[in-house]
Amino acid sequence: MKKIILIVLLTVFLAGPAAAQGGLVSLKSSHDVVITANRLESALKEKGVSVFARIDHAAGAQRVGQELKPTLLVIFGTPAMGTPLIQRSRSMGIDLPLKALIWEDNTGQVWFTYNAPDYLARRHGITEMTEAIQKMEQALSNFAQAATLP
């Protein structure tokens, strides 16, 4: 557990300006929403991680006559990492595959937000799979950095 906390703290302090709140990790991006999402997808594909969907919330809002700043949800994962967690706690399937929300706030700042794996583990009562959770956190941190840094 101490290693998980250390990884999360390092992610927050080393990955640039970031905020953690309610189990979410948010990092500022140096790019616009589309470029950040494209960079994420490239990094995922380079590592053999499947991209299952890309949902454009702003386009959905526009279809119903509403406005929303650019907001993209990228859903991704790998059964090799997720299946053991779902086997341990079937409810983990509600949070897997992983997701990254890339969005622009009211000041024009773009953010990359994802669920902290240690939070997901606690949420689903997974206490003994520390190594798998640490690997997931490291992978998410690496993907977030690849997408957001200059």
N, C-alpha and C. Protein backbone atom coordinates (compact mmCIF):
# COMPACT_ATOMS: atom_id res chain seq x y z
N MET A 1 0.82 -1.19 0.00
CA MET A 1 0.00 0.00 0.00
C MET A 1 0.87 1.26 0.00
N LYS A 2 1.99 1.18 0.73
CA LYS A 2 2.88 2.34 0.77
C LYS A 2 3.43 2.65 -0.62
N LYS A 3 3.71 1.58 -1.40
CA LYS A 3 4.22 1.79 -2.76
C LYS A 3 3.18 2.47 -3.64
N ILE A 4 1.93 2.09 -3.48
CA ILE A 4 0.86 2.71 -4.28
C ILE A 4 0.77 4.19 -3.96
N ILE A 5 0.80 4.52 -2.68
CA ILE A 5 0.73 5.92 -2.27
C ILE A 5 1.92 6.69 -2.82
N LEU A 6 3.10 6.09 -2.76
CA LEU A 6 4.29 6.74 -3.29
C LEU A 6 4.17 6.98 -4.78
N ILE A 7 3.67 6.00 -5.53
CA ILE A 7 3.51 6.15 -6.98
C ILE A 7 2.53 7.27 -7.30
N VAL A 8 1.42 7.31 -6.58
CA VAL A 8 0.44 8.38 -6.82
C VAL A 8 1.04 9.73 -6.52
N LEU A 9 1.76 9.84 -5.39
CA LEU A 9 2.39 11.13 -5.05
C LEU A 9 3.43 11.53 -6.09
N LEU A 10 4.24 10.59 -6.54
CA LEU A 10 5.23 10.90 -7.57
C LEU A 10 4.55 11.34 -8.86
N THR A 11 3.47 10.68 -9.21
CA THR A 11 2.73 11.06 -10.41
C THR A 11 2.25 12.50 -10.30
N VAL A 12 1.70 12.83 -9.14
CA VAL A 12 1.17 14.18 -8.93
C VAL A 12 2.27 15.22 -9.00
N PHE A 13 3.43 14.93 -8.37
CA PHE A 13 4.48 15.94 -8.31
C PHE A 13 5.41 15.98 -9.51
N LEU A 14 5.60 14.85 -10.19
CA LEU A 14 6.55 14.81 -11.29
C LEU A 14 5.91 14.99 -12.66
N ALA A 15 4.64 14.76 -12.78
CA ALA A 15 4.00 14.81 -14.09
C ALA A 15 3.53 16.21 -14.45
N GLY A 16 3.96 17.19 -13.72
CA GLY A 16 3.52 18.55 -13.99
C GLY A 16 2.34 18.87 -13.10
N PRO A 17 1.77 20.06 -13.29
CA PRO A 17 0.64 20.44 -12.45
C PRO A 17 -0.48 19.41 -12.54
N ALA A 18 -0.86 18.89 -11.40
CA ALA A 18 -1.91 17.88 -11.36
C ALA A 18 -2.73 18.09 -10.10
N ALA A 19 -3.91 17.54 -10.12
CA ALA A 19 -4.78 17.60 -8.96
C ALA A 19 -5.43 16.24 -8.79
N ALA A 20 -5.58 15.80 -7.54
CA ALA A 20 -6.28 14.55 -7.27
C ALA A 20 -7.48 14.87 -6.39
N GLN A 21 -8.63 14.35 -6.77
CA GLN A 21 -9.84 14.64 -6.02
C GLN A 21 -10.84 13.51 -6.23
N GLY A 22 -11.37 12.98 -5.15
CA GLY A 22 -12.40 11.96 -5.24
C GLY A 22 -12.02 10.74 -6.06
N GLY A 23 -10.76 10.32 -5.97
CA GLY A 23 -10.33 9.16 -6.72
C GLY A 23 -9.93 9.47 -8.15
N LEU A 24 -9.96 10.73 -8.51
CA LEU A 24 -9.58 11.14 -9.86
C LEU A 24 -8.22 11.81 -9.84
N VAL A 25 -7.45 11.58 -10.89
CA VAL A 25 -6.17 12.26 -11.09
C VAL A 25 -6.35 13.13 -12.31
N SER A 26 -6.04 14.41 -12.18
CA SER A 26 -6.16 15.35 -13.30
C SER A 26 -4.83 16.04 -13.52
N LEU A 27 -4.36 15.99 -14.76
CA LEU A 27 -3.11 16.65 -15.14
C LEU A 27 -3.40 17.68 -16.21
N LYS A 28 -2.71 18.79 -16.13
CA LYS A 28 -2.83 19.80 -17.17
C LYS A 28 -2.15 19.29 -18.43
N SER A 29 -2.74 19.60 -19.56
CA SER A 29 -2.14 19.23 -20.84
C SER A 29 -1.53 20.46 -21.50
N SER A 30 -0.46 20.24 -22.22
CA SER A 30 0.18 21.30 -23.00
C SER A 30 -0.45 21.43 -24.38
N HIS A 31 -1.46 20.61 -24.68
CA HIS A 31 -2.05 20.55 -26.01
C HIS A 31 -3.56 20.76 -25.93
N ASP A 32 -4.18 20.95 -27.09
CA ASP A 32 -5.64 21.05 -27.09
C ASP A 32 -6.23 19.65 -26.89
N VAL A 33 -7.55 19.59 -26.77
CA VAL A 33 -8.23 18.33 -26.47
C VAL A 33 -7.96 17.28 -27.53
N VAL A 34 -8.13 17.62 -28.79
CA VAL A 34 -7.97 16.63 -29.86
C VAL A 34 -6.53 16.12 -29.94
N ILE A 35 -5.58 17.01 -29.87
CA ILE A 35 -4.17 16.59 -29.94
C ILE A 35 -3.82 15.72 -28.74
N THR A 36 -4.30 16.09 -27.55
CA THR A 36 -4.04 15.28 -26.35
C THR A 36 -4.62 13.88 -26.54
N ALA A 37 -5.85 13.78 -27.03
CA ALA A 37 -6.49 12.48 -27.26
C ALA A 37 -5.73 11.69 -28.32
N ASN A 38 -5.31 12.36 -29.38
CA ASN A 38 -4.55 11.68 -30.43
C ASN A 38 -3.23 11.14 -29.90
N ARG A 39 -2.56 11.94 -29.08
CA ARG A 39 -1.29 11.52 -28.50
C ARG A 39 -1.49 10.32 -27.57
N LEU A 40 -2.59 10.35 -26.80
CA LEU A 40 -2.90 9.23 -25.93
C LEU A 40 -3.11 7.96 -26.77
N GLU A 41 -3.94 8.06 -27.79
CA GLU A 41 -4.23 6.88 -28.62
C GLU A 41 -2.96 6.35 -29.27
N SER A 42 -2.08 7.21 -29.71
CA SER A 42 -0.81 6.77 -30.31
C SER A 42 0.04 6.02 -29.30
N ALA A 43 0.13 6.57 -28.08
CA ALA A 43 0.93 5.94 -27.03
C ALA A 43 0.33 4.57 -26.66
N LEU A 44 -0.99 4.49 -26.59
CA LEU A 44 -1.65 3.23 -26.27
C LEU A 44 -1.37 2.18 -27.34
N LYS A 45 -1.58 2.56 -28.58
CA LYS A 45 -1.38 1.61 -29.69
C LYS A 45 0.07 1.16 -29.77
N GLU A 46 0.99 2.07 -29.49
CA GLU A 46 2.42 1.74 -29.51
C GLU A 46 2.75 0.65 -28.49
N LYS A 47 2.01 0.62 -27.39
CA LYS A 47 2.24 -0.38 -26.34
C LYS A 47 1.31 -1.58 -26.45
N GLY A 48 0.54 -1.64 -27.54
CA GLY A 48 -0.34 -2.79 -27.75
C GLY A 48 -1.62 -2.78 -26.94
N VAL A 49 -2.00 -1.61 -26.44
CA VAL A 49 -3.23 -1.47 -25.66
C VAL A 49 -4.36 -1.13 -26.61
N SER A 50 -5.48 -1.82 -26.47
CA SER A 50 -6.63 -1.60 -27.35
C SER A 50 -7.36 -0.32 -26.99
N VAL A 51 -7.73 0.43 -28.02
CA VAL A 51 -8.60 1.59 -27.85
C VAL A 51 -9.98 1.12 -28.29
N PHE A 52 -10.92 1.07 -27.36
CA PHE A 52 -12.25 0.53 -27.64
C PHE A 52 -13.21 1.58 -28.17
N ALA A 53 -13.06 2.82 -27.70
CA ALA A 53 -14.00 3.87 -28.13
C ALA A 53 -13.43 5.24 -27.82
N ARG A 54 -13.94 6.19 -28.59
CA ARG A 54 -13.64 7.60 -28.37
C ARG A 54 -14.99 8.30 -28.45
N ILE A 55 -15.40 8.86 -27.35
CA ILE A 55 -16.72 9.49 -27.26
C ILE A 55 -16.55 11.00 -27.19
N ASP A 56 -17.21 11.69 -28.08
CA ASP A 56 -17.15 13.15 -28.15
C ASP A 56 -18.39 13.72 -27.46
N HIS A 57 -18.24 14.07 -26.20
CA HIS A 57 -19.37 14.60 -25.43
C HIS A 57 -19.86 15.94 -25.97
N ALA A 58 -18.94 16.76 -26.47
CA ALA A 58 -19.34 18.06 -27.02
C ALA A 58 -20.19 17.89 -28.27
N ALA A 59 -19.86 16.91 -29.10
CA ALA A 59 -20.67 16.64 -30.29
C ALA A 59 -22.05 16.15 -29.89
N GLY A 60 -22.11 15.33 -28.85
CA GLY A 60 -23.40 14.86 -28.35
C GLY A 60 -24.25 16.01 -27.85
N ALA A 61 -23.64 16.92 -27.13
CA ALA A 61 -24.36 18.08 -26.63
C ALA A 61 -24.89 18.92 -27.79
N GLN A 62 -24.05 19.09 -28.80
CA GLN A 62 -24.45 19.88 -29.97
C GLN A 62 -25.66 19.25 -30.67
N ARG A 63 -25.71 17.94 -30.75
CA ARG A 63 -26.83 17.25 -31.40
C ARG A 63 -28.17 17.52 -30.72
N VAL A 64 -28.14 17.86 -29.43
CA VAL A 64 -29.38 18.16 -28.72
C VAL A 64 -29.53 19.66 -28.44
N GLY A 65 -28.78 20.46 -29.20
CA GLY A 65 -28.91 21.90 -29.12
C GLY A 65 -28.29 22.54 -27.89
N GLN A 66 -27.31 21.86 -27.29
CA GLN A 66 -26.64 22.42 -26.11
C GLN A 66 -25.16 22.61 -26.41
N GLU A 67 -24.52 23.40 -25.57
CA GLU A 67 -23.10 23.67 -25.76
C GLU A 67 -22.29 23.01 -24.66
N LEU A 68 -21.13 22.54 -25.04
CA LEU A 68 -20.19 21.95 -24.10
C LEU A 68 -18.80 22.18 -24.67
N LYS A 69 -17.90 22.67 -23.83
CA LYS A 69 -16.51 22.84 -24.27
C LYS A 69 -15.98 21.48 -24.72
N PRO A 70 -14.92 21.47 -25.53
CA PRO A 70 -14.38 20.20 -26.01
C PRO A 70 -14.16 19.20 -24.87
N THR A 71 -14.72 18.01 -25.04
CA THR A 71 -14.66 16.97 -24.01
C THR A 71 -14.68 15.61 -24.71
N LEU A 72 -13.57 14.88 -24.61
CA LEU A 72 -13.46 13.56 -25.23
C LEU A 72 -13.19 12.51 -24.17
N LEU A 73 -13.86 11.38 -24.30
CA LEU A 73 -13.61 10.24 -23.43
C LEU A 73 -12.99 9.14 -24.27
N VAL A 74 -11.82 8.67 -23.86
CA VAL A 74 -11.15 7.58 -24.55
C VAL A 74 -11.21 6.36 -23.64
N ILE A 75 -11.75 5.27 -24.17
CA ILE A 75 -11.90 4.03 -23.41
C ILE A 75 -10.89 3.03 -23.96
N PHE A 76 -10.07 2.44 -23.07
CA PHE A 76 -8.97 1.61 -23.51
C PHE A 76 -8.61 0.57 -22.46
N GLY A 77 -7.89 -0.43 -22.88
CA GLY A 77 -7.42 -1.41 -21.92
C GLY A 77 -6.84 -2.64 -22.58
N THR A 78 -6.46 -3.56 -21.72
CA THR A 78 -5.91 -4.82 -22.17
C THR A 78 -6.44 -5.92 -21.24
N PRO A 79 -7.03 -6.94 -21.82
CA PRO A 79 -7.56 -8.03 -20.99
C PRO A 79 -6.51 -8.66 -20.08
N ALA A 80 -5.25 -8.67 -20.49
CA ALA A 80 -4.19 -9.25 -19.66
C ALA A 80 -4.09 -8.54 -18.31
N MET A 81 -4.33 -7.24 -18.29
CA MET A 81 -4.25 -6.49 -17.04
C MET A 81 -5.60 -6.47 -16.32
N GLY A 82 -6.67 -6.33 -17.06
CA GLY A 82 -7.98 -6.16 -16.44
C GLY A 82 -8.66 -7.43 -15.97
N THR A 83 -8.49 -8.51 -16.70
CA THR A 83 -9.22 -9.74 -16.37
C THR A 83 -8.93 -10.25 -14.96
N PRO A 84 -7.67 -10.31 -14.50
CA PRO A 84 -7.45 -10.79 -13.13
C PRO A 84 -8.15 -9.92 -12.08
N LEU A 85 -8.24 -8.63 -12.33
CA LEU A 85 -8.92 -7.75 -11.38
C LEU A 85 -10.42 -8.01 -11.37
N ILE A 86 -10.98 -8.24 -12.54
CA ILE A 86 -12.41 -8.53 -12.63
C ILE A 86 -12.70 -9.92 -12.06
N GLN A 87 -11.77 -10.86 -12.23
CA GLN A 87 -11.95 -12.18 -11.63
C GLN A 87 -11.98 -12.07 -10.10
N ARG A 88 -11.15 -11.20 -9.57
CA ARG A 88 -11.09 -11.01 -8.12
C ARG A 88 -12.34 -10.32 -7.59
N SER A 89 -12.82 -9.32 -8.31
CA SER A 89 -14.01 -8.59 -7.90
C SER A 89 -14.82 -8.27 -9.15
N ARG A 90 -15.87 -9.03 -9.38
CA ARG A 90 -16.65 -8.87 -10.60
C ARG A 90 -17.13 -7.44 -10.79
N SER A 91 -17.39 -6.71 -9.69
CA SER A 91 -17.86 -5.33 -9.81
C SER A 91 -16.82 -4.42 -10.45
N MET A 92 -15.56 -4.84 -10.48
CA MET A 92 -14.51 -4.04 -11.14
C MET A 92 -14.83 -3.84 -12.61
N GLY A 93 -15.66 -4.71 -13.18
CA GLY A 93 -16.05 -4.59 -14.57
C GLY A 93 -16.81 -3.30 -14.88
N ILE A 94 -17.34 -2.64 -13.87
CA ILE A 94 -18.00 -1.35 -14.10
C ILE A 94 -16.97 -0.25 -14.37
N ASP A 95 -15.76 -0.43 -13.88
CA ASP A 95 -14.70 0.58 -14.03
C ASP A 95 -13.64 0.20 -15.05
N LEU A 96 -13.72 -1.01 -15.57
CA LEU A 96 -12.80 -1.43 -16.62
C LEU A 96 -13.61 -1.72 -17.87
N PRO A 97 -13.13 -1.43 -19.05
CA PRO A 97 -11.79 -0.93 -19.33
C PRO A 97 -11.59 0.48 -18.75
N LEU A 98 -10.33 0.87 -18.76
CA LEU A 98 -9.95 2.18 -18.24
C LEU A 98 -10.47 3.29 -19.14
N LYS A 99 -10.53 4.48 -18.57
CA LYS A 99 -11.02 5.64 -19.31
C LYS A 99 -10.14 6.86 -19.01
N ALA A 100 -10.01 7.71 -20.00
CA ALA A 100 -9.36 9.01 -19.80
C ALA A 100 -10.32 10.06 -20.35
N LEU A 101 -10.62 11.05 -19.54
CA LEU A 101 -11.45 12.17 -19.97
C LEU A 101 -10.52 13.34 -20.26
N ILE A 102 -10.59 13.83 -21.47
CA ILE A 102 -9.75 14.95 -21.89
C ILE A 102 -10.70 16.10 -22.18
N TRP A 103 -10.53 17.19 -21.43
CA TRP A 103 -11.55 18.24 -21.45
C TRP A 103 -10.93 19.62 -21.26
N GLU A 104 -11.67 20.60 -21.76
CA GLU A 104 -11.24 22.00 -21.65
C GLU A 104 -12.11 22.69 -20.61
N ASP A 105 -11.46 23.37 -19.67
CA ASP A 105 -12.23 24.08 -18.65
C ASP A 105 -12.64 25.47 -19.16
N ASN A 106 -13.30 26.23 -18.31
CA ASN A 106 -13.83 27.54 -18.72
C ASN A 106 -12.76 28.58 -19.01
N THR A 107 -11.51 28.31 -18.58
CA THR A 107 -10.43 29.25 -18.87
C THR A 107 -9.65 28.86 -20.12
N GLY A 108 -10.01 27.71 -20.72
CA GLY A 108 -9.30 27.24 -21.90
C GLY A 108 -8.21 26.23 -21.59
N GLN A 109 -7.97 25.96 -20.30
CA GLN A 109 -6.97 24.96 -19.92
C GLN A 109 -7.52 23.56 -20.23
N VAL A 110 -6.67 22.72 -20.82
CA VAL A 110 -7.05 21.35 -21.14
C VAL A 110 -6.53 20.44 -20.02
N TRP A 111 -7.38 19.50 -19.63
CA TRP A 111 -7.09 18.56 -18.55
C TRP A 111 -7.19 17.12 -19.04
N PHE A 112 -6.40 16.26 -18.45
CA PHE A 112 -6.41 14.82 -18.69
C PHE A 112 -6.77 14.19 -17.35
N THR A 113 -7.94 13.56 -17.26
CA THR A 113 -8.43 13.02 -15.99
C THR A 113 -8.66 11.52 -16.11
N TYR A 114 -8.23 10.79 -15.08
CA TYR A 114 -8.47 9.35 -15.04
C TYR A 114 -8.71 8.91 -13.60
N ASN A 115 -9.30 7.72 -13.45
CA ASN A 115 -9.51 7.13 -12.14
C ASN A 115 -8.20 6.60 -11.59
N ALA A 116 -7.89 6.95 -10.35
CA ALA A 116 -6.69 6.44 -9.70
C ALA A 116 -6.89 4.95 -9.42
N PRO A 117 -5.99 4.09 -9.91
CA PRO A 117 -6.14 2.65 -9.68
C PRO A 117 -6.25 2.25 -8.21
N ASP A 118 -5.52 2.91 -7.32
CA ASP A 118 -5.64 2.54 -5.90
C ASP A 118 -7.04 2.85 -5.38
N TYR A 119 -7.65 3.90 -5.89
CA TYR A 119 -9.03 4.21 -5.53
C TYR A 119 -9.97 3.11 -6.05
N LEU A 120 -9.77 2.68 -7.29
CA LEU A 120 -10.60 1.62 -7.86
C LEU A 120 -10.45 0.33 -7.04
N ALA A 121 -9.23 0.01 -6.65
CA ALA A 121 -9.00 -1.19 -5.85
C ALA A 121 -9.77 -1.10 -4.53
N ARG A 122 -9.67 0.02 -3.85
CA ARG A 122 -10.40 0.19 -2.59
C ARG A 122 -11.90 0.12 -2.82
N ARG A 123 -12.36 0.76 -3.88
CA ARG A 123 -13.79 0.79 -4.19
C ARG A 123 -14.36 -0.61 -4.34
N HIS A 124 -13.57 -1.51 -4.91
CA HIS A 124 -14.04 -2.86 -5.19
C HIS A 124 -13.49 -3.89 -4.20
N GLY A 125 -12.90 -3.42 -3.10
CA GLY A 125 -12.45 -4.32 -2.05
C GLY A 125 -11.27 -5.19 -2.41
N ILE A 126 -10.46 -4.73 -3.35
CA ILE A 126 -9.28 -5.49 -3.75
C ILE A 126 -8.10 -4.99 -2.93
N THR A 127 -7.62 -5.85 -2.03
CA THR A 127 -6.53 -5.42 -1.15
C THR A 127 -5.24 -6.19 -1.38
N GLU A 128 -5.33 -7.36 -2.02
CA GLU A 128 -4.15 -8.23 -2.12
C GLU A 128 -3.45 -8.19 -3.48
N MET A 129 -3.93 -7.40 -4.42
CA MET A 129 -3.34 -7.39 -5.77
C MET A 129 -2.50 -6.12 -5.98
N THR A 130 -1.68 -5.83 -5.01
CA THR A 130 -0.90 -4.60 -5.00
C THR A 130 -0.04 -4.44 -6.25
N GLU A 131 0.61 -5.51 -6.67
CA GLU A 131 1.49 -5.42 -7.83
C GLU A 131 0.72 -5.06 -9.10
N ALA A 132 -0.44 -5.67 -9.31
CA ALA A 132 -1.25 -5.37 -10.49
C ALA A 132 -1.73 -3.92 -10.47
N ILE A 133 -2.12 -3.44 -9.31
CA ILE A 133 -2.59 -2.06 -9.19
C ILE A 133 -1.44 -1.09 -9.43
N GLN A 134 -0.27 -1.41 -8.93
CA GLN A 134 0.91 -0.57 -9.16
C GLN A 134 1.26 -0.50 -10.64
N LYS A 135 1.19 -1.64 -11.32
CA LYS A 135 1.47 -1.66 -12.76
C LYS A 135 0.46 -0.81 -13.52
N MET A 136 -0.80 -0.90 -13.11
CA MET A 136 -1.83 -0.10 -13.76
C MET A 136 -1.58 1.39 -13.53
N GLU A 137 -1.21 1.75 -12.32
CA GLU A 137 -0.94 3.16 -12.01
C GLU A 137 0.25 3.67 -12.82
N GLN A 138 1.30 2.87 -12.91
CA GLN A 138 2.48 3.28 -13.68
C GLN A 138 2.14 3.44 -15.15
N ALA A 139 1.38 2.50 -15.68
CA ALA A 139 0.99 2.58 -17.09
C ALA A 139 0.15 3.83 -17.34
N LEU A 140 -0.83 4.09 -16.49
CA LEU A 140 -1.67 5.28 -16.66
C LEU A 140 -0.84 6.56 -16.56
N SER A 141 0.07 6.59 -15.61
CA SER A 141 0.93 7.76 -15.46
C SER A 141 1.77 7.98 -16.72
N ASN A 142 2.32 6.90 -17.26
CA ASN A 142 3.13 7.00 -18.48
C ASN A 142 2.29 7.48 -19.66
N PHE A 143 1.08 6.93 -19.81
CA PHE A 143 0.21 7.34 -20.91
C PHE A 143 -0.22 8.79 -20.75
N ALA A 144 -0.52 9.19 -19.53
CA ALA A 144 -0.93 10.58 -19.29
C ALA A 144 0.20 11.54 -19.64
N GLN A 145 1.42 11.18 -19.25
CA GLN A 145 2.55 12.04 -19.58
C GLN A 145 2.78 12.10 -21.09
N ALA A 146 2.69 10.96 -21.76
CA ALA A 146 2.88 10.95 -23.21
C ALA A 146 1.84 11.83 -23.91
N ALA A 147 0.64 11.88 -23.37
CA ALA A 147 -0.43 12.66 -23.99
C ALA A 147 -0.35 14.15 -23.66
N THR A 148 0.14 14.49 -22.49
CA THR A 148 0.01 15.88 -22.02
C THR A 148 1.27 16.73 -22.08
N LEU A 149 2.43 16.10 -22.00
CA LEU A 149 3.66 16.89 -21.96
C LEU A 149 4.03 17.40 -23.35
N PRO A 150 4.78 18.52 -23.38
CA PRO A 150 5.18 19.07 -24.69
C PRO A 150 6.01 18.10 -25.52
